[in-house]
Full PDB file with SEQRES, HELIX, SHEET, SSBOND, CRYST1, ORIGX, SCALE, CONECT and MASTER records, all heavy atoms in Angstrom:
SEQRES   1 A   39  ILE ARG ARG ALA ILE LEU SER THR ILE THR GLU THR ARG          
SEQRES   2 A   39  LEU HIS THR ALA ASP LEU GLY GLY GLN GLY SER THR SER          
SEQRES   3 A   39  GLU VAL VAL GLN SER ILE MET ASN ALA VAL GLN SER THR          
HELIX    1 AA1 ARG A    2  SER A    7  1                                   6    
HELIX    2 AA2 THR A    8  THR A   12  3                                   5    
HELIX    3 AA3 ALA A   17  LEU A   19  5                                   3    
HELIX    4 AA4 THR A   25  SER A   38  1                                  14    
CRYST1    1.000    1.000    1.000  90.00  90.00  90.00 P 1           1          
ORIGX1      1.000000  0.000000  0.000000        0.00000                         
ORIGX2      0.000000  1.000000  0.000000        0.00000                         
ORIGX3      0.000000  0.000000  1.000000        0.00000                         
SCALE1      1.000000  0.000000  0.000000        0.00000                         
SCALE2      0.000000  1.000000  0.000000        0.00000                         
SCALE3      0.000000  0.000000  1.000000        0.00000                         
ATOM      1  N   ILE A   1       1.573 -35.318  29.338  1.00  0.00           N  
ATOM      2  CA  ILE A   1       2.751 -34.556  29.788  1.00  0.00           C  
ATOM      3  C   ILE A   1       3.971 -35.459  29.835  1.00  0.00           C  
ATOM      4  O   ILE A   1       5.073 -35.064  29.422  1.00  0.00           O  
ATOM      5  CB  ILE A   1       2.478 -33.924  31.168  1.00  0.00           C  
ATOM      6  CG1 ILE A   1       1.328 -32.923  31.061  1.00  0.00           C  
ATOM      7  CG2 ILE A   1       3.730 -33.242  31.705  1.00  0.00           C  
ATOM      8  CD1 ILE A   1       0.804 -32.435  32.403  1.00  0.00           C  
ATOM      9  N   ARG A   2       3.798 -36.700  30.313  1.00  0.00           N  
ATOM     10  CA  ARG A   2       4.936 -37.621  30.412  1.00  0.00           C  
ATOM     11  C   ARG A   2       5.513 -37.928  29.028  1.00  0.00           C  
ATOM     12  O   ARG A   2       6.745 -37.959  28.857  1.00  0.00           O  
ATOM     13  CB  ARG A   2       4.477 -38.897  31.112  1.00  0.00           C  
ATOM     14  CG  ARG A   2       5.604 -39.782  31.592  1.00  0.00           C  
ATOM     15  CD  ARG A   2       5.088 -40.980  32.371  1.00  0.00           C  
ATOM     16  NE  ARG A   2       4.732 -40.645  33.734  1.00  0.00           N  
ATOM     17  CZ  ARG A   2       3.500 -40.728  34.248  1.00  0.00           C  
ATOM     18  NH1 ARG A   2       2.484 -41.108  33.490  1.00  0.00           N  
ATOM     19  NH2 ARG A   2       3.264 -40.420  35.500  1.00  0.00           N  
ATOM     20  N   ARG A   3       4.642 -38.132  28.049  1.00  0.00           N  
ATOM     21  CA  ARG A   3       5.130 -38.384  26.689  1.00  0.00           C  
ATOM     22  C   ARG A   3       5.908 -37.187  26.163  1.00  0.00           C  
ATOM     23  O   ARG A   3       6.938 -37.357  25.498  1.00  0.00           O  
ATOM     24  CB  ARG A   3       3.949 -38.698  25.751  1.00  0.00           C  
ATOM     25  CG  ARG A   3       3.409 -40.113  25.869  1.00  0.00           C  
ATOM     26  CD  ARG A   3       2.495 -40.442  24.689  1.00  0.00           C  
ATOM     27  NE  ARG A   3       1.351 -39.537  24.611  1.00  0.00           N  
ATOM     28  CZ  ARG A   3       0.183 -39.751  25.194  1.00  0.00           C  
ATOM     29  NH1 ARG A   3      -0.003 -40.849  25.911  1.00  0.00           N  
ATOM     30  NH2 ARG A   3      -0.802 -38.892  25.058  1.00  0.00           N  
ATOM     31  N   ALA A   4       5.432 -35.991  26.463  1.00  0.00           N  
ATOM     32  CA  ALA A   4       6.119 -34.783  25.997  1.00  0.00           C  
ATOM     33  C   ALA A   4       7.499 -34.645  26.651  1.00  0.00           C  
ATOM     34  O   ALA A   4       8.471 -34.245  26.004  1.00  0.00           O  
ATOM     35  CB  ALA A   4       5.265 -33.555  26.302  1.00  0.00           C  
ATOM     36  N   ILE A   5       7.580 -34.984  27.934  1.00  0.00           N  
ATOM     37  CA  ILE A   5       8.865 -34.933  28.640  1.00  0.00           C  
ATOM     38  C   ILE A   5       9.844 -35.921  28.027  1.00  0.00           C  
ATOM     39  O   ILE A   5      10.997 -35.586  27.724  1.00  0.00           O  
ATOM     40  CB  ILE A   5       8.663 -35.234  30.141  1.00  0.00           C  
ATOM     41  CG1 ILE A   5       7.851 -34.127  30.810  1.00  0.00           C  
ATOM     42  CG2 ILE A   5      10.014 -35.404  30.848  1.00  0.00           C  
ATOM     43  CD1 ILE A   5       7.355 -34.489  32.210  1.00  0.00           C  
ATOM     44  N   LEU A   6       9.390 -37.163  27.833  1.00  0.00           N  
ATOM     45  CA  LEU A   6      10.277 -38.195  27.286  1.00  0.00           C  
ATOM     46  C   LEU A   6      10.669 -37.888  25.848  1.00  0.00           C  
ATOM     47  O   LEU A   6      11.795 -38.175  25.422  1.00  0.00           O  
ATOM     48  CB  LEU A   6       9.591 -39.561  27.376  1.00  0.00           C  
ATOM     49  CG  LEU A   6       9.330 -40.057  28.806  1.00  0.00           C  
ATOM     50  CD1 LEU A   6       8.605 -41.404  28.795  1.00  0.00           C  
ATOM     51  CD2 LEU A   6      10.631 -40.170  29.593  1.00  0.00           C  
ATOM     52  N   SER A   7       9.772 -37.262  25.104  1.00  0.00           N  
ATOM     53  CA  SER A   7      10.094 -36.864  23.741  1.00  0.00           C  
ATOM     54  C   SER A   7      11.211 -35.828  23.721  1.00  0.00           C  
ATOM     55  O   SER A   7      12.135 -35.899  22.901  1.00  0.00           O  
ATOM     56  CB  SER A   7       8.847 -36.305  23.056  1.00  0.00           C  
ATOM     57  OG  SER A   7       9.173 -35.728  21.806  1.00  0.00           O  
ATOM     58  N   THR A   8      11.140 -34.881  24.653  1.00  0.00           N  
ATOM     59  CA  THR A   8      12.182 -33.849  24.734  1.00  0.00           C  
ATOM     60  C   THR A   8      13.529 -34.457  25.108  1.00  0.00           C  
ATOM     61  O   THR A   8      14.575 -34.081  24.574  1.00  0.00           O  
ATOM     62  CB  THR A   8      11.778 -32.766  25.747  1.00  0.00           C  
ATOM     63  OG1 THR A   8      10.608 -32.096  25.262  1.00  0.00           O  
ATOM     64  CG2 THR A   8      12.898 -31.755  25.949  1.00  0.00           C  
ATOM     65  N   ILE A   9      13.510 -35.435  26.012  1.00  0.00           N  
ATOM     66  CA  ILE A   9      14.758 -36.065  26.457  1.00  0.00           C  
ATOM     67  C   ILE A   9      15.340 -36.962  25.381  1.00  0.00           C  
ATOM     68  O   ILE A   9      16.547 -36.927  25.104  1.00  0.00           O  
ATOM     69  CB  ILE A   9      14.522 -36.876  27.744  1.00  0.00           C  
ATOM     70  CG1 ILE A   9      14.172 -35.949  28.909  1.00  0.00           C  
ATOM     71  CG2 ILE A   9      15.753 -37.709  28.090  1.00  0.00           C  
ATOM     72  CD1 ILE A   9      13.762 -36.694  30.166  1.00  0.00           C  
ATOM     73  N   THR A  10      14.485 -37.781  24.762  1.00  0.00           N  
ATOM     74  CA  THR A  10      14.991 -38.856  23.903  1.00  0.00           C  
ATOM     75  C   THR A  10      15.013 -38.516  22.413  1.00  0.00           C  
ATOM     76  O   THR A  10      15.888 -38.988  21.690  1.00  0.00           O  
ATOM     77  CB  THR A  10      14.142 -40.126  24.092  1.00  0.00           C  
ATOM     78  OG1 THR A  10      12.793 -39.861  23.697  1.00  0.00           O  
ATOM     79  CG2 THR A  10      14.148 -40.571  25.547  1.00  0.00           C  
ATOM     80  N   GLU A  11      14.082 -37.693  21.959  1.00  0.00           N  
ATOM     81  CA  GLU A  11      14.007 -37.399  20.522  1.00  0.00           C  
ATOM     82  C   GLU A  11      14.584 -36.023  20.197  1.00  0.00           C  
ATOM     83  O   GLU A  11      15.473 -35.889  19.363  1.00  0.00           O  
ATOM     84  CB  GLU A  11      12.557 -37.502  20.044  1.00  0.00           C  
ATOM     85  CG  GLU A  11      11.987 -38.925  20.189  1.00  0.00           C  
ATOM     86  CD  GLU A  11      10.503 -38.982  19.906  1.00  0.00           C  
ATOM     87  OE1 GLU A  11       9.978 -38.060  19.236  1.00  0.00           O  
ATOM     88  OE2 GLU A  11       9.841 -39.950  20.354  1.00  0.00           O  
ATOM     89  N   THR A  12      14.080 -35.010  20.882  1.00  0.00           N  
ATOM     90  CA  THR A  12      14.626 -33.664  20.672  1.00  0.00           C  
ATOM     91  C   THR A  12      16.047 -33.578  21.219  1.00  0.00           C  
ATOM     92  O   THR A  12      16.881 -32.822  20.715  1.00  0.00           O  
ATOM     93  CB  THR A  12      13.731 -32.618  21.375  1.00  0.00           C  
ATOM     94  OG1 THR A  12      12.375 -32.828  20.994  1.00  0.00           O  
ATOM     95  CG2 THR A  12      14.148 -31.204  21.000  1.00  0.00           C  
ATOM     96  N   ARG A  13      16.306 -34.371  22.282  1.00  0.00           N  
ATOM     97  CA  ARG A  13      17.605 -34.409  22.951  1.00  0.00           C  
ATOM     98  C   ARG A  13      18.059 -33.022  23.412  1.00  0.00           C  
ATOM     99  O   ARG A  13      19.236 -32.653  23.306  1.00  0.00           O  
ATOM    100  CB  ARG A  13      18.680 -35.038  22.048  1.00  0.00           C  
ATOM    101  CG  ARG A  13      18.488 -36.541  21.878  1.00  0.00           C  
ATOM    102  CD  ARG A  13      19.617 -37.159  21.069  1.00  0.00           C  
ATOM    103  NE  ARG A  13      19.460 -38.601  20.995  1.00  0.00           N  
ATOM    104  CZ  ARG A  13      19.988 -39.457  21.871  1.00  0.00           C  
ATOM    105  NH1 ARG A  13      20.691 -38.991  22.879  1.00  0.00           N  
ATOM    106  NH2 ARG A  13      19.812 -40.747  21.721  1.00  0.00           N  
ATOM    107  N   LEU A  14      17.108 -32.260  23.903  1.00  0.00           N  
ATOM    108  CA  LEU A  14      17.433 -30.976  24.528  1.00  0.00           C  
ATOM    109  C   LEU A  14      17.702 -31.241  26.005  1.00  0.00           C  
ATOM    110  O   LEU A  14      16.779 -31.530  26.771  1.00  0.00           O  
ATOM    111  CB  LEU A  14      16.262 -30.000  24.345  1.00  0.00           C  
ATOM    112  CG  LEU A  14      16.445 -28.611  24.960  1.00  0.00           C  
ATOM    113  CD1 LEU A  14      17.670 -27.903  24.372  1.00  0.00           C  
ATOM    114  CD2 LEU A  14      15.205 -27.758  24.727  1.00  0.00           C  
ATOM    115  N   HIS A  15      18.951 -31.169  26.394  1.00  0.00           N  
ATOM    116  CA  HIS A  15      19.359 -31.521  27.746  1.00  0.00           C  
ATOM    117  C   HIS A  15      19.953 -30.324  28.478  1.00  0.00           C  
ATOM    118  O   HIS A  15      20.616 -29.480  27.877  1.00  0.00           O  
ATOM    119  CB  HIS A  15      20.412 -32.638  27.711  1.00  0.00           C  
ATOM    120  CG  HIS A  15      19.905 -33.942  27.208  1.00  0.00           C  
ATOM    121  ND1 HIS A  15      20.728 -35.008  26.906  1.00  0.00           N  
ATOM    122  CD2 HIS A  15      18.636 -34.379  26.945  1.00  0.00           C  
ATOM    123  CE1 HIS A  15      20.000 -36.027  26.496  1.00  0.00           C  
ATOM    124  NE2 HIS A  15      18.731 -35.669  26.498  1.00  0.00           N  
ATOM    125  N   THR A  16      19.708 -30.283  29.778  1.00  0.00           N  
ATOM    126  CA  THR A  16      20.348 -29.280  30.632  1.00  0.00           C  
ATOM    127  C   THR A  16      21.775 -29.726  30.961  1.00  0.00           C  
ATOM    128  O   THR A  16      22.201 -30.838  30.634  1.00  0.00           O  
ATOM    129  CB  THR A  16      19.538 -29.081  31.920  1.00  0.00           C  
ATOM    130  OG1 THR A  16      19.143 -30.361  32.430  1.00  0.00           O  
ATOM    131  CG2 THR A  16      18.289 -28.243  31.660  1.00  0.00           C  
ATOM    132  N   ALA A  17      22.500 -28.848  31.660  1.00  0.00           N  
ATOM    133  CA  ALA A  17      23.932 -29.078  31.888  1.00  0.00           C  
ATOM    134  C   ALA A  17      24.212 -30.357  32.673  1.00  0.00           C  
ATOM    135  O   ALA A  17      25.234 -31.013  32.457  1.00  0.00           O  
ATOM    136  CB  ALA A  17      24.530 -27.876  32.608  1.00  0.00           C  
ATOM    137  N   ASP A  18      23.305 -30.743  33.581  1.00  0.00           N  
ATOM    138  CA  ASP A  18      23.540 -31.949  34.384  1.00  0.00           C  
ATOM    139  C   ASP A  18      23.580 -33.210  33.539  1.00  0.00           C  
ATOM    140  O   ASP A  18      24.165 -34.220  33.949  1.00  0.00           O  
ATOM    141  CB  ASP A  18      22.465 -32.080  35.476  1.00  0.00           C  
ATOM    142  CG  ASP A  18      21.061 -32.161  34.894  1.00  0.00           C  
ATOM    143  OD1 ASP A  18      20.745 -31.342  34.022  1.00  0.00           O  
ATOM    144  OD2 ASP A  18      20.291 -33.027  35.331  1.00  0.00           O  
ATOM    145  N   LEU A  19      22.993 -33.158  32.341  1.00  0.00           N  
ATOM    146  CA  LEU A  19      23.003 -34.304  31.428  1.00  0.00           C  
ATOM    147  C   LEU A  19      24.009 -34.106  30.293  1.00  0.00           C  
ATOM    148  O   LEU A  19      23.983 -34.837  29.307  1.00  0.00           O  
ATOM    149  CB  LEU A  19      21.606 -34.537  30.847  1.00  0.00           C  
ATOM    150  CG  LEU A  19      20.494 -34.828  31.856  1.00  0.00           C  
ATOM    151  CD1 LEU A  19      19.176 -35.062  31.136  1.00  0.00           C  
ATOM    152  CD2 LEU A  19      20.844 -36.022  32.735  1.00  0.00           C  
ATOM    153  N   GLY A  20      24.871 -33.102  30.448  1.00  0.00           N  
ATOM    154  CA  GLY A  20      25.891 -32.847  29.441  1.00  0.00           C  
ATOM    155  C   GLY A  20      25.440 -31.967  28.297  1.00  0.00           C  
ATOM    156  O   GLY A  20      26.155 -31.820  27.296  1.00  0.00           O  
ATOM    157  N   GLY A  21      24.262 -31.360  28.431  1.00  0.00           N  
ATOM    158  CA  GLY A  21      23.744 -30.498  27.369  1.00  0.00           C  
ATOM    159  C   GLY A  21      23.956 -29.026  27.655  1.00  0.00           C  
ATOM    160  O   GLY A  21      24.595 -28.646  28.638  1.00  0.00           O  
ATOM    161  N   GLN A  22      23.392 -28.189  26.789  1.00  0.00           N  
ATOM    162  CA  GLN A  22      23.526 -26.739  26.927  1.00  0.00           C  
ATOM    163  C   GLN A  22      22.169 -26.045  27.018  1.00  0.00           C  
ATOM    164  O   GLN A  22      22.098 -24.817  27.010  1.00  0.00           O  
ATOM    165  CB  GLN A  22      24.320 -26.171  25.747  1.00  0.00           C  
ATOM    166  CG  GLN A  22      25.753 -26.703  25.682  1.00  0.00           C  
ATOM    167  CD  GLN A  22      26.532 -26.108  24.524  1.00  0.00           C  
ATOM    168  OE1 GLN A  22      25.954 -25.735  23.495  1.00  0.00           O  
ATOM    169  NE2 GLN A  22      27.836 -26.015  24.676  1.00  0.00           N  
ATOM    170  N   GLY A  23      21.108 -26.814  27.149  1.00  0.00           N  
ATOM    171  CA  GLY A  23      19.778 -26.226  27.225  1.00  0.00           C  
ATOM    172  C   GLY A  23      19.513 -25.586  28.574  1.00  0.00           C  
ATOM    173  O   GLY A  23      19.988 -26.061  29.607  1.00  0.00           O  
ATOM    174  N   SER A  24      18.740 -24.514  28.579  1.00  0.00           N  
ATOM    175  CA  SER A  24      18.353 -23.855  29.823  1.00  0.00           C  
ATOM    176  C   SER A  24      17.071 -24.487  30.349  1.00  0.00           C  
ATOM    177  O   SER A  24      16.382 -25.230  29.635  1.00  0.00           O  
ATOM    178  CB  SER A  24      18.123 -22.369  29.596  1.00  0.00           C  
ATOM    179  OG  SER A  24      16.986 -22.159  28.760  1.00  0.00           O  
ATOM    180  N   THR A  25      16.757 -24.175  31.582  1.00  0.00           N  
ATOM    181  CA  THR A  25      15.507 -24.671  32.173  1.00  0.00           C  
ATOM    182  C   THR A  25      14.311 -24.236  31.329  1.00  0.00           C  
ATOM    183  O   THR A  25      13.442 -25.043  30.989  1.00  0.00           O  
ATOM    184  CB  THR A  25      15.346 -24.133  33.608  1.00  0.00           C  
ATOM    185  OG1 THR A  25      16.503 -24.443  34.366  1.00  0.00           O  
ATOM    186  CG2 THR A  25      14.120 -24.725  34.277  1.00  0.00           C  
ATOM    187  N   SER A  26      14.275 -22.963  30.995  1.00  0.00           N  
ATOM    188  CA  SER A  26      13.123 -22.426  30.261  1.00  0.00           C  
ATOM    189  C   SER A  26      13.035 -23.019  28.856  1.00  0.00           C  
ATOM    190  O   SER A  26      11.929 -23.248  28.340  1.00  0.00           O  
ATOM    191  CB  SER A  26      13.189 -20.902  30.200  1.00  0.00           C  
ATOM    192  OG  SER A  26      14.432 -20.457  29.694  1.00  0.00           O  
ATOM    193  N   GLU A  27      14.176 -23.312  28.234  1.00  0.00           N  
ATOM    194  CA  GLU A  27      14.148 -23.918  26.905  1.00  0.00           C  
ATOM    195  C   GLU A  27      13.593 -25.341  26.957  1.00  0.00           C  
ATOM    196  O   GLU A  27      12.830 -25.744  26.072  1.00  0.00           O  
ATOM    197  CB  GLU A  27      15.562 -23.930  26.306  1.00  0.00           C  
ATOM    198  CG  GLU A  27      16.039 -22.556  25.856  1.00  0.00           C  
ATOM    199  CD  GLU A  27      17.509 -22.546  25.469  1.00  0.00           C  
ATOM    200  OE1 GLU A  27      18.257 -23.457  25.899  1.00  0.00           O  
ATOM    201  OE2 GLU A  27      17.911 -21.603  24.758  1.00  0.00           O  
ATOM    202  N   VAL A  28      13.980 -26.087  27.987  1.00  0.00           N  
ATOM    203  CA  VAL A  28      13.458 -27.448  28.138  1.00  0.00           C  
ATOM    204  C   VAL A  28      11.953 -27.409  28.388  1.00  0.00           C  
ATOM    205  O   VAL A  28      11.191 -28.169  27.783  1.00  0.00           O  
ATOM    206  CB  VAL A  28      14.195 -28.182  29.276  1.00  0.00           C  
ATOM    207  CG1 VAL A  28      13.521 -29.517  29.581  1.00  0.00           C  
ATOM    208  CG2 VAL A  28      15.657 -28.411  28.908  1.00  0.00           C  
ATOM    209  N   VAL A  29      11.520 -26.512  29.275  1.00  0.00           N  
ATOM    210  CA  VAL A  29      10.094 -26.393  29.563  1.00  0.00           C  
ATOM    211  C   VAL A  29       9.321 -26.000  28.309  1.00  0.00           C  
ATOM    212  O   VAL A  29       8.254 -26.550  28.014  1.00  0.00           O  
ATOM    213  CB  VAL A  29       9.848 -25.379  30.699  1.00  0.00           C  
ATOM    214  CG1 VAL A  29       8.362 -25.074  30.844  1.00  0.00           C  
ATOM    215  CG2 VAL A  29      10.407 -25.902  32.013  1.00  0.00           C  
ATOM    216  N   GLN A  30       9.865 -25.061  27.530  1.00  0.00           N  
ATOM    217  CA  GLN A  30       9.193 -24.632  26.302  1.00  0.00           C  
ATOM    218  C   GLN A  30       9.098 -25.785  25.299  1.00  0.00           C  
ATOM    219  O   GLN A  30       8.075 -25.966  24.628  1.00  0.00           O  
ATOM    220  CB  GLN A  30       9.936 -23.463  25.661  1.00  0.00           C  
ATOM    221  CG  GLN A  30       9.216 -22.841  24.476  1.00  0.00           C  
ATOM    222  CD  GLN A  30       7.836 -22.311  24.832  1.00  0.00           C  
ATOM    223  OE1 GLN A  30       7.693 -21.494  25.738  1.00  0.00           O  
ATOM    224  NE2 GLN A  30       6.799 -22.788  24.134  1.00  0.00           N  
ATOM    225  N   SER A  31      10.150 -26.587  25.210  1.00  0.00           N  
ATOM    226  CA  SER A  31      10.131 -27.738  24.306  1.00  0.00           C  
ATOM    227  C   SER A  31       9.049 -28.731  24.727  1.00  0.00           C  
ATOM    228  O   SER A  31       8.334 -29.285  23.872  1.00  0.00           O  
ATOM    229  CB  SER A  31      11.497 -28.423  24.317  1.00  0.00           C  
ATOM    230  OG  SER A  31      11.478 -29.602  23.547  1.00  0.00           O  
ATOM    231  N   ILE A  32       8.916 -28.947  26.038  1.00  0.00           N  
ATOM    232  CA  ILE A  32       7.888 -29.860  26.544  1.00  0.00           C  
ATOM    233  C   ILE A  32       6.496 -29.291  26.252  1.00  0.00           C  
ATOM    234  O   ILE A  32       5.590 -30.015  25.834  1.00  0.00           O  
ATOM    235  CB  ILE A  32       8.087 -30.105  28.049  1.00  0.00           C  
ATOM    236  CG1 ILE A  32       9.388 -30.887  28.280  1.00  0.00           C  
ATOM    237  CG2 ILE A  32       6.897 -30.844  28.661  1.00  0.00           C  
ATOM    238  CD1 ILE A  32       9.841 -30.924  29.715  1.00  0.00           C  
ATOM    239  N   MET A  33       6.336 -27.979  26.457  1.00  0.00           N  
ATOM    240  CA  MET A  33       5.048 -27.346  26.153  1.00  0.00           C  
ATOM    241  C   MET A  33       4.707 -27.481  24.674  1.00  0.00           C  
ATOM    242  O   MET A  33       3.557 -27.756  24.311  1.00  0.00           O  
ATOM    243  CB  MET A  33       5.093 -25.872  26.564  1.00  0.00           C  
ATOM    244  CG  MET A  33       5.117 -25.648  28.066  1.00  0.00           C  
ATOM    245  SD  MET A  33       5.441 -23.927  28.510  1.00  0.00           S  
ATOM    246  CE  MET A  33       4.057 -23.095  27.756  1.00  0.00           C  
ATOM    247  N   ASN A  34       5.721 -27.303  23.806  1.00  0.00           N  
ATOM    248  CA  ASN A  34       5.477 -27.449  22.363  1.00  0.00           C  
ATOM    249  C   ASN A  34       5.042 -28.873  22.032  1.00  0.00           C  
ATOM    250  O   ASN A  34       4.152 -29.088  21.203  1.00  0.00           O  
ATOM    251  CB  ASN A  34       6.742 -27.101  21.576  1.00  0.00           C  
ATOM    252  CG  ASN A  34       7.099 -25.621  21.671  1.00  0.00           C  
ATOM    253  OD1 ASN A  34       6.266 -24.795  22.036  1.00  0.00           O  
ATOM    254  ND2 ASN A  34       8.346 -25.289  21.371  1.00  0.00           N  
ATOM    255  N   ALA A  35       5.669 -29.849  22.692  1.00  0.00           N  
ATOM    256  CA  ALA A  35       5.312 -31.246  22.441  1.00  0.00           C  
ATOM    257  C   ALA A  35       3.897 -31.540  22.908  1.00  0.00           C  
ATOM    258  O   ALA A  35       3.151 -32.280  22.252  1.00  0.00           O  
ATOM    259  CB  ALA A  35       6.315 -32.162  23.143  1.00  0.00           C  
ATOM    260  N   VAL A  36       3.492 -30.949  24.041  1.00  0.00           N  
ATOM    261  CA  VAL A  36       2.127 -31.121  24.535  1.00  0.00           C  
ATOM    262  C   VAL A  36       1.139 -30.522  23.543  1.00  0.00           C  
ATOM    263  O   VAL A  36       0.129 -31.148  23.179  1.00  0.00           O  
ATOM    264  CB  VAL A  36       1.953 -30.474  25.915  1.00  0.00           C  
ATOM    265  CG1 VAL A  36       0.483 -30.394  26.310  1.00  0.00           C  
ATOM    266  CG2 VAL A  36       2.713 -31.259  26.984  1.00  0.00           C  
ATOM    267  N   GLN A  37       1.431 -29.312  23.083  1.00  0.00           N  
ATOM    268  CA  GLN A  37       0.518 -28.620  22.159  1.00  0.00           C  
ATOM    269  C   GLN A  37       0.390 -29.332  20.827  1.00  0.00           C  
ATOM    270  O   GLN A  37      -0.657 -29.332  20.199  1.00  0.00           O  
ATOM    271  CB  GLN A  37       0.996 -27.182  21.969  1.00  0.00           C  
ATOM    272  CG  GLN A  37       0.814 -26.319  23.216  1.00  0.00           C  
ATOM    273  CD  GLN A  37       1.603 -25.020  23.156  1.00  0.00           C  
ATOM    274  OE1 GLN A  37       2.354 -24.766  22.214  1.00  0.00           O  
ATOM    275  NE2 GLN A  37       1.439 -24.188  24.182  1.00  0.00           N  
ATOM    276  N   SER A  38       1.467 -30.016  20.421  1.00  0.00           N  
ATOM    277  CA  SER A  38       1.437 -30.700  19.127  1.00  0.00           C  
ATOM    278  C   SER A  38       0.579 -31.955  19.155  1.00  0.00           C  
ATOM    279  O   SER A  38       0.235 -32.494  18.086  1.00  0.00           O  
ATOM    280  CB  SER A  38       2.859 -31.072  18.691  1.00  0.00           C  
ATOM    281  OG  SER A  38       3.368 -32.116  19.514  1.00  0.00           O  
ATOM    282  N   THR A  39       0.241 -32.411  20.362  1.00  0.00           N  
ATOM    283  CA  THR A  39      -0.566 -33.636  20.469  1.00  0.00           C  
ATOM    284  C   THR A  39      -2.050 -33.369  20.278  1.00  0.00           C  
ATOM    285  O   THR A  39      -2.834 -34.312  20.187  1.00  0.00           O  
ATOM    286  CB  THR A  39      -0.366 -34.321  21.832  1.00  0.00           C  
ATOM    287  OG1 THR A  39      -0.820 -33.439  22.871  1.00  0.00           O  
ATOM    288  CG2 THR A  39       1.091 -34.690  22.062  1.00  0.00           C  
TER     289      THR A  39                                                      
MASTER        0    0    0    4    0    0    0    6  288    1    0    3          
END                                                                             
């Protein structure tokens, strides 16, 4: 799970508004889930 989270932050670069991005909570969670499933 930690690798999937860091992948979303650093590689996919899907960020919520607090980090200057436009991603929603659910979009970030879905991206992390996709990264987990891809492993």
